[in-house]
Protein backbone atom coordinates (compact mmCIF):
# COMPACT_ATOMS: atom_id res chain seq x y z
CA ALA A 1 -22.57 -25.59 -6.84
CA PRO A 2 -19.70 -26.96 -4.73
CA LEU A 3 -17.23 -26.60 -7.63
CA LYS A 4 -18.11 -22.93 -8.09
CA GLN A 5 -17.78 -22.32 -4.35
CA GLU A 6 -14.37 -23.98 -4.38
CA ARG A 7 -13.25 -21.72 -7.24
CA GLU A 8 -14.42 -18.63 -5.34
CA LYS A 9 -12.59 -19.81 -2.24
CA GLN A 10 -9.36 -20.34 -4.21
CA LYS A 11 -9.62 -16.83 -5.69
CA PHE A 12 -9.63 -15.28 -2.22
CA GLU A 13 -6.95 -17.67 -0.95
CA LEU A 14 -4.72 -16.50 -3.78
CA ALA A 15 -5.31 -12.85 -2.87
CA LYS A 16 -4.07 -13.64 0.66
CA LYS A 17 -0.69 -14.56 -0.87
CA PHE A 18 -0.44 -11.17 -2.56
CA LYS A 19 2.70 -9.39 -1.33
CA PRO A 20 2.32 -5.71 -2.29
CA SER A 21 5.85 -4.56 -1.40
CA LYS A 22 7.52 -7.52 -3.16
CA ILE A 23 5.32 -7.09 -6.23
CA LYS A 24 5.93 -3.32 -6.40
CA GLU A 25 9.69 -3.96 -6.13
CA HIS A 26 9.53 -6.50 -8.97
CA ILE A 27 7.51 -4.08 -11.13
CA GLU A 28 9.88 -1.14 -10.46
CA LYS A 29 12.86 -3.29 -11.41
CA GLY A 30 11.14 -4.20 -14.66
CA LEU A 31 10.34 -0.57 -15.50
CA SER A 32 13.99 0.18 -16.28
CA SER A 33 14.88 -3.20 -17.81
CA PRO A 34 17.10 -3.07 -20.92
CA ASP A 35 14.55 -5.40 -22.59
CA PRO A 36 11.82 -3.21 -24.21
CA LEU A 37 9.21 -5.99 -23.99
CA LEU A 38 9.83 -6.40 -20.26
CA ARG A 39 9.63 -2.60 -19.82
CA LYS A 40 6.19 -2.66 -21.46
CA ILE A 41 4.93 -5.57 -19.35
CA ALA A 42 6.20 -3.89 -16.15
CA THR A 43 4.56 -0.59 -17.16
CA VAL A 44 1.22 -2.35 -17.70
CA ALA A 45 1.57 -4.09 -14.31
CA TYR A 46 2.43 -0.72 -12.71
CA LEU A 47 -0.75 0.86 -14.12
CA ILE A 48 -2.91 -2.07 -12.95
CA ASP A 49 -1.45 -1.71 -9.46
CA LEU A 50 -1.66 2.08 -9.30
CA LEU A 51 -5.01 2.71 -11.01
CA LYS A 52 -6.74 -0.52 -9.87
CA ILE A 53 -7.97 -1.04 -13.43
CA ARG A 54 -8.55 -4.27 -15.30
CA VAL A 55 -5.87 -5.86 -17.43
CA GLY A 56 -7.81 -5.03 -20.61
CA ASP A 57 -7.73 -7.84 -23.16
CA GLU A 58 -9.97 -10.22 -21.20
CA LYS A 59 -13.24 -8.43 -21.95
CA ASP A 60 -16.28 -10.09 -23.48
CA PRO A 61 -16.56 -9.77 -27.25
CA ASP A 62 -20.00 -8.11 -26.96
CA GLU A 63 -18.70 -5.40 -24.59
CA LEU A 64 -18.50 -1.84 -25.79
CA ASP A 65 -15.21 -0.24 -26.78
CA THR A 66 -13.96 -0.32 -23.20
CA VAL A 67 -10.36 -0.17 -22.17
CA GLY A 68 -8.02 -1.75 -19.64
CA ALA A 69 -4.28 -1.49 -19.04
CA THR A 70 -3.10 -3.54 -22.06
CA THR A 71 -5.60 -1.95 -24.45
CA LEU A 72 -4.95 1.72 -23.58
CA LYS A 73 -4.82 3.92 -26.66
CA LYS A 74 -2.38 6.78 -27.06
CA SER A 75 -5.36 9.12 -27.03
CA ASN A 76 -6.27 7.88 -23.50
CA VAL A 77 -2.98 9.05 -22.02
CA LYS A 78 -1.49 12.53 -21.79
CA ILE A 79 1.81 13.35 -20.08
CA VAL A 80 1.38 16.58 -18.14
CA GLY A 81 4.66 16.79 -16.21
CA GLU A 82 7.80 14.94 -15.18
CA ARG A 83 5.78 12.78 -12.83
CA LYS A 84 2.17 13.41 -13.86
CA VAL A 85 -0.02 11.63 -16.35
CA GLU A 86 -3.64 12.29 -17.28
CA PHE A 87 -5.73 9.19 -18.02
CA ASP A 88 -9.08 9.41 -19.78
CA PHE A 89 -10.87 6.30 -21.04
CA LEU A 90 -14.00 4.19 -20.73
CA GLY A 91 -13.55 1.27 -18.36
CA LYS A 92 -15.83 -1.72 -17.77
CA GLY A 93 -19.53 -0.93 -17.92
CA ALA A 94 -18.65 2.12 -20.05
CA VAL A 95 -17.67 4.00 -16.88
CA ARG A 96 -15.38 6.92 -17.62
CA PHE A 97 -12.04 6.93 -15.85
CA HIS A 98 -10.58 10.44 -15.87
CA LYS A 99 -7.79 11.28 -13.44
CA THR A 100 -4.44 13.03 -13.38
CA ILE A 101 -2.07 10.96 -11.28
CA GLU A 102 1.50 11.21 -10.05
CA VAL A 103 3.57 8.29 -11.30
CA HIS A 104 7.13 6.97 -11.08
CA PRO A 105 9.43 9.12 -13.32
CA GLN A 106 10.50 5.98 -15.21
CA VAL A 107 6.85 5.34 -16.11
CA VAL A 108 6.67 8.78 -17.77
CA LYS A 109 9.84 7.98 -19.76
CA ASN A 110 8.43 4.60 -20.77
CA LEU A 111 5.08 6.04 -21.85
CA GLN A 112 6.84 8.68 -23.97
CA GLU A 113 8.87 5.94 -25.61
CA PHE A 114 5.85 3.65 -26.21
CA MET A 115 3.91 6.47 -27.86
CA ASN A 116 6.37 6.31 -30.76
CA ASN A 117 4.88 3.25 -32.44
CA ASP A 118 2.73 2.76 -35.54
CA SER A 119 -0.32 1.52 -33.63
CA ASP A 120 -3.03 3.67 -32.04
CA ARG A 121 -2.46 1.55 -28.92
CA LEU A 122 0.27 2.05 -26.33
CA PHE A 123 0.98 -1.64 -25.81
CA PRO A 124 -0.09 -3.37 -29.06
CA ASP A 125 2.06 -6.45 -28.42
CA ILE A 126 1.18 -7.07 -24.76
CA ARG A 127 -1.37 -9.68 -23.65
CA CYS A 128 -2.70 -10.54 -20.19
CA GLU A 129 -0.87 -13.90 -20.27
CA GLN A 130 2.49 -12.09 -20.39
CA VAL A 131 1.50 -9.82 -17.51
CA ASN A 132 0.37 -12.82 -15.44
CA GLU A 133 3.58 -14.71 -16.18
CA PHE A 134 5.61 -11.65 -15.08
CA LEU A 135 3.66 -11.37 -11.81
CA GLY A 136 3.86 -15.13 -11.22
CA GLN A 137 7.65 -14.84 -11.02
CA ILE A 138 7.20 -13.28 -7.57
CA VAL A 139 4.12 -15.08 -6.24
CA PRO A 140 3.18 -18.24 -8.17
CA GLY A 141 -0.42 -18.15 -9.39
CA ILE A 142 -0.86 -14.39 -8.95
CA THR A 143 -2.61 -12.77 -11.90
CA ALA A 144 -3.58 -9.22 -12.80
CA LYS A 145 -7.13 -9.94 -11.55
CA VAL A 146 -5.85 -10.58 -8.01
CA PHE A 147 -4.81 -6.93 -7.58
CA ARG A 148 -8.41 -5.76 -7.48
CA THR A 149 -9.50 -8.56 -5.12
CA TYR A 150 -6.61 -7.81 -2.78
CA TYR A 151 -7.06 -4.03 -2.70
CA ALA A 152 -10.86 -4.17 -2.31
CA THR A 153 -10.57 -6.63 0.59
CA GLU A 154 -7.84 -4.61 2.32
CA GLU A 155 -9.86 -1.40 1.93
CA VAL A 156 -12.83 -3.08 3.64
CA ARG A 157 -10.64 -4.46 6.43
CA ARG A 158 -9.06 -1.04 7.04
CA THR A 159 -12.36 0.86 6.97
CA LEU A 160 -14.05 -1.55 9.39
CA GLU A 161 -11.15 -1.12 11.81
CA GLU A 162 -11.24 2.69 11.45
CA GLN A 163 -14.94 2.78 12.30
CA GLY A 164 -14.20 1.34 15.74
CA VAL A 165 -17.66 -0.23 16.09
CA LYS A 166 -18.32 -1.97 19.41
CA LYS A 167 -20.60 -4.86 20.30
CA THR A 168 -22.70 -2.49 22.42
CA ASP A 169 -23.35 -0.10 19.51
CA PRO A 170 -26.83 -0.01 17.94
CA GLU A 171 -27.40 -2.19 14.88
CA TYR A 172 -27.83 0.75 12.48
CA LYS A 173 -24.30 1.95 13.35
CA LYS A 174 -22.88 -1.50 12.52
CA VAL A 175 -24.76 -1.64 9.21
CA PHE A 176 -23.51 1.87 8.36
CA ALA A 177 -19.88 0.82 9.01
CA ALA A 178 -20.32 -2.28 6.81
CA LYS A 179 -21.85 -0.24 3.96
CA LEU A 180 -19.20 2.46 4.26
CA ALA A 181 -16.46 -0.17 3.92
CA ASN A 182 -18.26 -1.57 0.86
CA LEU A 183 -18.45 1.95 -0.60
CA ARG A 184 -14.70 2.49 -0.14
CA ALA A 185 -14.04 -0.72 -2.09
CA ALA A 186 -16.42 0.41 -4.86
CA GLU A 187 -14.63 3.77 -5.01
CA ILE A 188 -11.14 2.36 -5.45
CA LEU A 189 -12.40 -0.08 -8.10
CA HIS A 190 -14.32 2.69 -9.95
CA HIS A 191 -17.66 0.87 -9.76
CA LYS A 192 -19.69 3.88 -10.79
CA LYS A 193 -23.35 4.03 -11.73
CA THR A 194 -25.88 6.58 -12.93
CA PRO A 195 -28.19 7.56 -10.07
CA PRO A 196 -31.86 6.52 -10.59
CA LYS A 197 -34.15 9.20 -12.03
CA ASN A 198 -36.10 9.51 -8.79
CA TRP A 199 -32.96 9.84 -6.65
CA LYS A 200 -33.58 13.48 -5.72
CA GLU A 201 -37.16 12.78 -4.59
CA ARG A 202 -35.97 9.81 -2.52
CA LEU A 203 -33.25 11.94 -0.94
CA GLU A 204 -35.78 14.65 -0.16
CA ARG A 205 -38.10 12.11 1.51
CA ARG A 206 -35.18 10.89 3.62
CA ALA A 207 -34.19 14.49 4.52
CA GLU A 208 -37.81 15.22 5.43
CA LYS A 209 -37.72 12.37 7.98
CA VAL A 210 -34.68 14.01 9.59
CA ARG A 211 -36.35 17.42 9.70
CA ALA A 212 -39.56 15.94 11.16
CA LEU A 213 -37.60 14.24 13.95
CA GLU A 214 -35.70 17.44 14.71
CA GLU A 215 -39.01 19.30 14.99
CA LYS A 216 -40.45 16.60 17.27
CA ILE A 217 -37.42 16.91 19.55
CA ARG A 218 -37.71 20.71 19.60
CA LEU A 219 -41.39 20.58 20.56
CA LEU A 220 -40.83 17.89 23.18
CA GLN A 221 -38.05 19.92 24.80
CA GLN A 222 -40.47 22.84 25.23
CA SER A 223 -43.31 20.73 26.61
CA LYS A 224 -44.03 19.46 30.11
CA VAL A 225 -44.79 15.78 29.74
CA ARG A 226 -44.16 12.61 31.70
CA ARG A 227 -41.04 10.54 30.93
CA LYS A 228 -39.70 13.47 28.88
CA LYS A 229 -36.05 12.46 29.31
CA GLU A 230 -36.71 8.89 28.19
CA ARG A 231 -38.76 10.00 25.17
CA LEU A 232 -36.10 12.53 24.15
CA ALA A 233 -33.40 9.85 24.34
CA LYS A 234 -35.44 7.57 22.04
CA LEU A 235 -36.08 10.34 19.53
CA ARG A 236 -32.44 11.40 19.50
CA GLU A 237 -31.40 7.81 18.81
CA LYS A 238 -33.91 7.68 15.92
CA LEU A 239 -32.51 10.96 14.63
CA ARG A 240 -28.95 9.62 14.70
CA GLU A 241 -30.08 6.60 12.67
CA GLN A 242 -31.92 8.70 10.07
CA LYS A 243 -28.95 11.06 9.73
CA LEU A 244 -26.61 8.13 9.04
CA ARG A 245 -29.04 6.74 6.47
CA LEU A 246 -29.20 10.14 4.78
CA GLU A 247 -25.41 10.44 4.76
CA LEU A 248 -25.04 6.96 3.27
CA MET A 249 -27.61 7.73 0.58
CA ARG A 250 -25.69 10.87 -0.41
CA ARG A 251 -22.33 9.15 -0.43
CA THR A 252 -23.41 6.09 -2.43
CA ARG A 253 -25.29 8.07 -5.09
CA ASP A 254 -22.73 7.45 -7.86
CA TYR A 255 -21.46 4.04 -6.80
CA ASN A 256 -22.61 0.50 -7.33
CA LEU A 257 -21.83 -1.44 -4.15
CA GLY A 258 -23.06 -4.80 -5.45
CA THR A 259 -20.17 -5.63 -7.80
CA SER A 260 -17.41 -5.44 -5.19
CA LEU A 261 -19.53 -7.26 -2.60
CA LYS A 262 -20.24 -10.07 -5.06
CA SER A 263 -16.85 -10.42 -6.75
CA TYR A 264 -13.97 -8.67 -5.01
CA ILE A 265 -14.33 -8.49 -1.22
CA ASN A 266 -13.29 -11.61 0.66
CA PRO A 267 -16.46 -12.53 2.63
CA GLU A 268 -14.33 -13.91 5.48
CA VAL A 269 -13.40 -10.33 6.42
CA TYR A 270 -17.04 -9.32 6.86
CA ALA A 271 -17.87 -12.63 8.58
CA SER A 272 -15.20 -12.31 11.30
CA TRP A 273 -16.01 -8.60 11.84
CA ALA A 274 -19.76 -9.32 12.10
CA ARG A 275 -19.06 -12.02 14.72
CA LYS A 276 -16.83 -9.62 16.66
CA VAL A 277 -19.39 -6.76 16.75
CA GLY A 278 -22.45 -9.00 17.02
CA LEU A 279 -24.12 -8.21 13.69
CA ASP A 280 -26.24 -10.69 11.75
CA ILE A 281 -24.35 -11.37 8.49
CA LYS A 282 -27.72 -11.29 6.67
CA LYS A 283 -27.69 -7.51 7.21
CA ILE A 284 -24.66 -7.34 4.89
CA TYR A 285 -25.24 -10.10 2.33
CA PRO A 286 -28.48 -10.69 0.40
CA LYS A 287 -29.83 -14.26 0.03
CA THR A 288 -28.08 -14.99 -3.28
CA LEU A 289 -24.68 -14.06 -1.82
CA GLN A 290 -25.37 -15.94 1.41
CA ARG A 291 -25.66 -19.04 -0.76
CA LYS A 292 -22.63 -18.15 -2.89
CA PHE A 293 -20.44 -17.52 0.16
CA ALA A 294 -21.86 -20.20 2.47
CA TRP A 295 -18.30 -21.56 2.87
CA ALA A 296 -17.18 -18.29 4.50
CA LEU A 297 -20.31 -16.97 6.17
CA GLY A 298 -21.48 -20.16 7.82
CA THR A 299 -24.86 -19.60 6.16
CA GLU A 300 -25.98 -23.05 5.18
CA PRO A 301 -27.79 -22.89 1.85
CA PRO A 302 -31.51 -23.65 2.35
CA ALA A 303 -32.32 -27.25 1.44
């Protein structure tokens, strides 16, 4: 629907206005504010920025007891040093978030202070509206949700650049770079999944293909056949492709790539990169997303 497409477009346009250094500066200023309410709001914003977690009190009523920044319980947070905090909670999709992270010393002080309340929650009086209003003081319209869109998109942009794919590279190398960028976004947004039950068998089948190709190459090297050089080159290319596929399968085992591709990564980044390296965008986006992102991908929805 055109209206839905327009909303999607606006979401990504807003993320382009995100100014990380300005926002971090605003948050850090708020961390040591004399106003305790502002200190709490700034601490929540700091955690959203640092941990790339959701704001917390926007979840669906039928969701499990999952947690975001505003709904963190005291039991989810443990101070383990002057600058270190251990976080342990269930995020969206009941995915466990468990990390010990270095934080700003003022954040440790604030967390210690906020633990002295009568609630089991750290920020019982903070709502997402207050966080959004605080962020909007720097960039109008910016909300807590934009953080994840911005960081996922930037991670994809950076990874694609790092891969250094050229137009002359084989298609499988381009697809690998696109998937790897998608994986990096899924990692920073904690889009975890349980591997399918038959994952090990599938991995073994993929590994077997690699071993079979290696054996073919070994035998061919020892034989005296016509066009040996040409045949070896073809087999080695096939081997490179299968090895990349195997690597990708291993690396994506615990991550769901679909969520970030559908909701957080600006499709314009993939579209301009695909044009630059000469990759068909349909190799990155399935049909449903080609329709959803027709405005960015130039994929006209089928009549």
